[in-house]
Protein backbone atom coordinates (compact mmCIF):
# COMPACT_ATOMS: atom_id res chain seq x y z
CA MET A 1 -4.57 35.15 -4.68
CA ALA A 2 -2.82 33.50 -1.75
CA ASP A 3 -4.14 30.11 -0.68
CA THR A 4 -5.74 30.83 2.66
CA HIS A 5 -5.73 27.13 3.46
CA SER A 6 -1.91 26.95 3.54
CA ALA A 7 -0.41 27.74 6.92
CA SER A 8 2.96 29.36 7.56
CA ASN A 9 4.70 30.82 10.55
CA PRO A 10 6.16 34.34 10.88
CA SER A 11 9.65 33.12 9.96
CA GLY A 12 8.47 32.19 6.50
CA THR A 13 8.98 28.48 7.04
CA PRO A 14 6.03 26.57 5.57
CA GLY A 15 3.72 25.19 8.22
CA PRO A 16 1.47 22.17 8.07
CA ARG A 17 -0.73 21.93 5.01
CA HIS A 18 -4.46 21.66 5.45
CA PRO A 19 -7.07 20.15 3.14
CA LYS A 20 -8.80 22.65 0.92
CA GLY A 21 -12.00 20.68 0.44
CA ALA A 22 -15.08 20.70 2.61
CA PRO A 23 -15.54 17.85 5.10
CA ILE A 24 -17.82 15.13 3.77
CA THR A 25 -20.87 15.37 5.98
CA PRO A 26 -23.85 13.01 5.51
CA GLU A 27 -25.73 15.90 3.94
CA LEU A 28 -22.92 16.65 1.49
CA TYR A 29 -22.57 12.96 0.63
CA GLU A 30 -26.28 12.77 -0.20
CA TYR A 31 -25.83 15.85 -2.37
CA VAL A 32 -22.93 14.18 -4.20
CA LEU A 33 -24.99 11.04 -4.81
CA ALA A 34 -27.85 13.16 -6.11
CA HIS A 35 -25.51 14.76 -8.65
CA ASN A 36 -23.84 11.52 -9.75
CA PRO A 37 -25.34 8.99 -12.14
CA PRO A 38 -27.84 7.11 -9.97
CA LEU A 39 -27.58 3.42 -9.31
CA ASP A 40 -30.00 1.51 -11.49
CA ALA A 41 -32.62 -0.88 -10.12
CA VAL A 42 -30.34 -3.95 -10.21
CA GLN A 43 -27.43 -2.11 -8.60
CA SER A 44 -29.65 -0.65 -5.87
CA ALA A 45 -31.17 -4.05 -5.15
CA LEU A 46 -27.70 -5.58 -4.87
CA VAL A 47 -26.65 -2.90 -2.38
CA GLU A 48 -29.70 -3.57 -0.23
CA THR A 49 -29.35 -7.36 -0.49
CA THR A 50 -25.72 -7.16 0.60
CA ARG A 51 -26.62 -5.02 3.61
CA ALA A 52 -29.47 -7.32 4.59
CA GLN A 53 -27.79 -10.68 4.03
CA LEU A 54 -24.22 -9.83 5.06
CA PRO A 55 -24.53 -7.04 7.63
CA GLY A 56 -21.19 -7.83 9.22
CA SER A 57 -19.33 -7.74 5.91
CA ALA A 58 -21.29 -5.20 3.87
CA VAL A 59 -18.61 -2.57 4.52
CA MET A 60 -16.50 -4.42 1.94
CA GLN A 61 -18.91 -3.37 -0.80
CA VAL A 62 -17.69 -0.40 -2.82
CA ALA A 63 -19.24 2.92 -1.86
CA GLU A 64 -22.23 4.15 -3.82
CA ASP A 65 -20.18 6.97 -5.36
CA GLN A 66 -17.48 4.53 -6.49
CA ALA A 67 -19.76 2.43 -8.69
CA PRO A 68 -20.52 5.20 -11.22
CA LEU A 69 -16.89 6.35 -11.04
CA LEU A 70 -15.64 2.90 -12.05
CA ALA A 71 -18.12 2.80 -14.93
CA PHE A 72 -16.99 6.27 -15.98
CA LEU A 73 -13.34 5.17 -15.98
CA VAL A 74 -14.16 2.16 -18.16
CA ARG A 75 -15.84 4.44 -20.69
CA LEU A 76 -13.17 7.13 -20.42
CA THR A 77 -10.32 4.71 -21.14
CA GLY A 78 -12.23 2.68 -23.71
CA ALA A 79 -11.29 -0.42 -21.74
CA ARG A 80 -12.18 -3.74 -23.32
CA HIS A 81 -10.25 -6.08 -21.04
CA VAL A 82 -10.83 -5.42 -17.33
CA VAL A 83 -9.51 -7.40 -14.35
CA GLU A 84 -10.99 -7.08 -10.87
CA LEU A 85 -9.26 -8.49 -7.80
CA GLY A 86 -11.75 -8.74 -4.94
CA THR A 87 -15.34 -8.99 -6.17
CA PHE A 88 -17.31 -9.57 -2.93
CA THR A 89 -21.02 -9.40 -3.90
CA GLY A 90 -20.33 -7.98 -7.32
CA LEU A 91 -21.40 -4.32 -7.37
CA SER A 92 -18.14 -3.02 -8.82
CA ALA A 93 -17.99 -5.80 -11.42
CA LEU A 94 -21.60 -5.11 -12.37
CA SER A 95 -20.95 -1.39 -12.81
CA MET A 96 -17.85 -1.91 -14.93
CA ALA A 97 -19.38 -4.69 -17.04
CA GLN A 98 -22.35 -2.47 -17.86
CA ALA A 99 -19.92 0.16 -19.17
CA LEU A 100 -17.91 -2.21 -21.37
CA PRO A 101 -18.20 -1.87 -25.15
CA ALA A 102 -19.48 -4.72 -27.29
CA GLY A 103 -17.06 -7.62 -27.01
CA GLY A 104 -15.57 -6.31 -23.77
CA ARG A 105 -14.63 -8.76 -21.04
CA LEU A 106 -14.16 -8.59 -17.28
CA ILE A 107 -12.33 -11.22 -15.25
CA ALA A 108 -13.54 -11.13 -11.64
CA CYS A 109 -11.32 -12.78 -9.02
CA ASP A 110 -12.50 -13.79 -5.57
CA VAL A 111 -12.18 -16.65 -3.08
CA SER A 112 -15.82 -16.87 -1.97
CA GLU A 113 -18.54 -18.80 -3.77
CA GLU A 114 -21.02 -17.55 -1.16
CA TRP A 115 -20.39 -13.83 -1.62
CA THR A 116 -20.09 -13.93 -5.39
CA ALA A 117 -23.35 -15.88 -5.71
CA TYR A 118 -25.16 -12.59 -5.03
CA GLY A 119 -23.16 -11.01 -7.82
CA ARG A 120 -23.90 -13.81 -10.27
CA GLU A 121 -27.63 -13.32 -9.74
CA ALA A 122 -27.38 -9.56 -10.25
CA TRP A 123 -25.17 -9.89 -13.33
CA ALA A 124 -27.69 -12.22 -14.92
CA GLU A 125 -30.58 -9.92 -14.06
CA ALA A 126 -28.72 -6.97 -15.59
CA GLY A 127 -27.94 -8.95 -18.75
CA VAL A 128 -24.15 -8.74 -18.42
CA ALA A 129 -23.32 -12.23 -17.14
CA ASP A 130 -21.82 -13.10 -20.53
CA ARG A 131 -19.29 -10.26 -20.11
CA ILE A 132 -18.00 -11.44 -16.72
CA GLU A 133 -15.79 -14.45 -16.12
CA LEU A 134 -15.69 -15.27 -12.41
CA ARG A 135 -12.57 -17.10 -11.27
CA ILE A 136 -12.69 -18.52 -7.75
CA GLY A 137 -9.33 -19.05 -6.06
CA PRO A 138 -6.31 -17.10 -4.83
CA ALA A 139 -6.09 -14.02 -7.01
CA LEU A 140 -2.32 -14.18 -7.29
CA ASP A 141 -2.61 -17.62 -8.87
CA THR A 142 -5.30 -16.34 -11.22
CA VAL A 143 -3.18 -13.38 -12.36
CA ARG A 144 -0.05 -15.47 -12.74
CA ALA A 145 -1.96 -17.82 -15.04
CA MET A 146 -2.82 -14.93 -17.37
CA PRO A 147 -0.75 -14.24 -20.50
CA GLU A 148 2.41 -12.36 -19.64
CA GLU A 149 2.30 -9.91 -22.53
CA PRO A 150 0.62 -6.52 -21.99
CA HIS A 151 -3.11 -6.94 -22.62
CA ILE A 152 -5.08 -5.54 -19.65
CA ASP A 153 -6.77 -2.17 -20.12
CA LEU A 154 -8.07 -1.54 -16.61
CA VAL A 155 -7.60 -3.12 -13.18
CA PHE A 156 -9.66 -2.61 -10.06
CA LEU A 157 -7.63 -3.79 -7.06
CA ASP A 158 -9.72 -4.36 -3.94
CA ALA A 159 -8.46 -7.67 -2.55
CA ASP A 160 -6.43 -8.61 0.55
CA LYS A 161 -4.28 -5.63 1.42
CA GLU A 162 -1.21 -7.57 2.50
CA ASN A 163 -0.74 -8.73 -1.10
CA TYR A 164 -1.20 -5.38 -2.85
CA ILE A 165 2.49 -5.09 -3.78
CA ALA A 166 2.55 -8.67 -5.06
CA TYR A 167 -0.58 -7.99 -7.14
CA TRP A 168 0.96 -4.79 -8.46
CA GLU A 169 4.11 -6.57 -9.57
CA GLU A 170 2.14 -9.22 -11.41
CA LEU A 171 -0.34 -6.79 -12.98
CA VAL A 172 1.76 -3.87 -14.16
CA PRO A 173 3.74 -5.91 -16.73
CA ARG A 174 0.45 -7.31 -18.06
CA MET A 175 -1.10 -3.88 -18.57
CA ARG A 176 -0.98 -2.21 -21.94
CA GLN A 177 0.63 1.21 -22.31
CA GLY A 178 -1.90 3.75 -21.10
CA GLY A 179 -3.75 1.13 -19.06
CA LEU A 180 -5.21 2.19 -15.73
CA LEU A 181 -4.90 0.49 -12.35
CA VAL A 182 -7.34 1.63 -9.64
CA ALA A 183 -6.42 0.61 -6.09
CA ASP A 184 -9.01 0.91 -3.33
CA ASN A 185 -8.68 1.47 0.43
CA VAL A 186 -5.35 3.27 0.28
CA PHE A 187 -6.32 5.39 3.31
CA GLN A 188 -7.18 2.51 5.65
CA ASP A 189 -9.77 4.57 7.50
CA GLY A 190 -7.28 7.41 7.79
CA ARG A 191 -4.65 5.33 9.58
CA VAL A 192 -1.96 5.31 6.86
CA PRO A 193 -0.02 8.33 8.20
CA ASP A 194 0.87 6.28 11.31
CA ALA A 195 4.46 5.10 10.83
CA ALA A 196 4.05 2.69 13.76
CA ALA A 197 1.08 0.93 12.17
CA THR A 198 1.13 -2.82 11.76
CA GLY A 199 -0.87 -5.40 9.82
CA GLN A 200 -2.75 -4.34 6.72
CA VAL A 201 -2.28 -0.65 7.48
CA ALA A 202 1.49 -1.15 7.32
CA ALA A 203 1.02 -3.18 4.13
CA ILE A 204 -0.90 -0.34 2.48
CA ARG A 205 1.68 2.20 3.66
CA ALA A 206 4.32 0.09 1.93
CA PHE A 207 2.15 -0.25 -1.17
CA ASN A 208 1.57 3.50 -1.38
CA ASP A 209 5.31 4.13 -1.20
CA HIS A 210 5.93 1.37 -3.76
CA VAL A 211 3.55 2.97 -6.26
CA VAL A 212 5.09 6.42 -5.93
CA ALA A 213 8.57 4.99 -6.51
CA ASP A 214 7.63 2.93 -9.58
CA GLY A 215 8.76 4.70 -12.73
CA ARG A 216 6.68 2.42 -14.94
CA THR A 217 3.55 4.32 -13.95
CA GLU A 218 2.30 7.79 -13.12
CA SER A 219 -0.21 7.96 -10.32
CA VAL A 220 -2.50 10.19 -8.30
CA MET A 221 -4.15 9.49 -4.95
CA ILE A 222 -7.64 10.90 -4.56
CA THR A 223 -9.95 11.33 -1.59
CA VAL A 224 -12.84 9.18 -2.75
CA ALA A 225 -14.37 6.80 -0.18
CA ASP A 226 -11.46 5.14 1.71
CA GLY A 227 -8.94 6.55 -0.75
CA LEU A 228 -8.26 5.57 -4.35
CA THR A 229 -5.00 5.50 -6.24
CA LEU A 230 -5.21 5.83 -10.01
CA ALA A 231 -2.05 4.64 -11.75
CA ARG A 232 -1.53 4.89 -15.51
CA LYS A 233 1.10 2.74 -17.18
CA ARG A 234 3.58 4.82 -19.11
């Protein structure tokens, strides 16, 4: 059957392509959440605390559909050594740490003692504080101090966008074969198609092109939240 969502003109020249999926309305998003693994009591409390205590910054918290996805990816890959760049108040780290197998370890990198203090409290309450090592400081310095041989199973990249390419170049060599790198915010609120964009939008445009051109990995970009790229090391 022909794809009725693909446009073409009478000359046979392909026209602009249109998304096949339904638009994500608030009602559809609630439906998705209802059919995903629900946030547990500690996760839900952390979401609400972040919104209440940091209303101007709460948008930096991962979306509620991303938390179970990250946990799912940890279980799917069997990851034992996870690195997170950009922890904020700790929801993503909490979700991934809860999915780690016995002996698994997550290194969480952030620059804020204030923001991550909320995460520390939640991690302790959830009983996973012993699985998470929080490292405060510039994430590039933290990664560069890690062993250079491949040892990382899964990365969640959600730090300052201007450094995404630099992070990528430090992380990919340290990832084991088959390891997964998940990069957040690759849509930049839908602004990435703009070739005239500047600032962090331009930085993410460059990062997206950099990933596609890198033969060390295979990657897909998916329309979850503000866009996720999943890159598997060959």
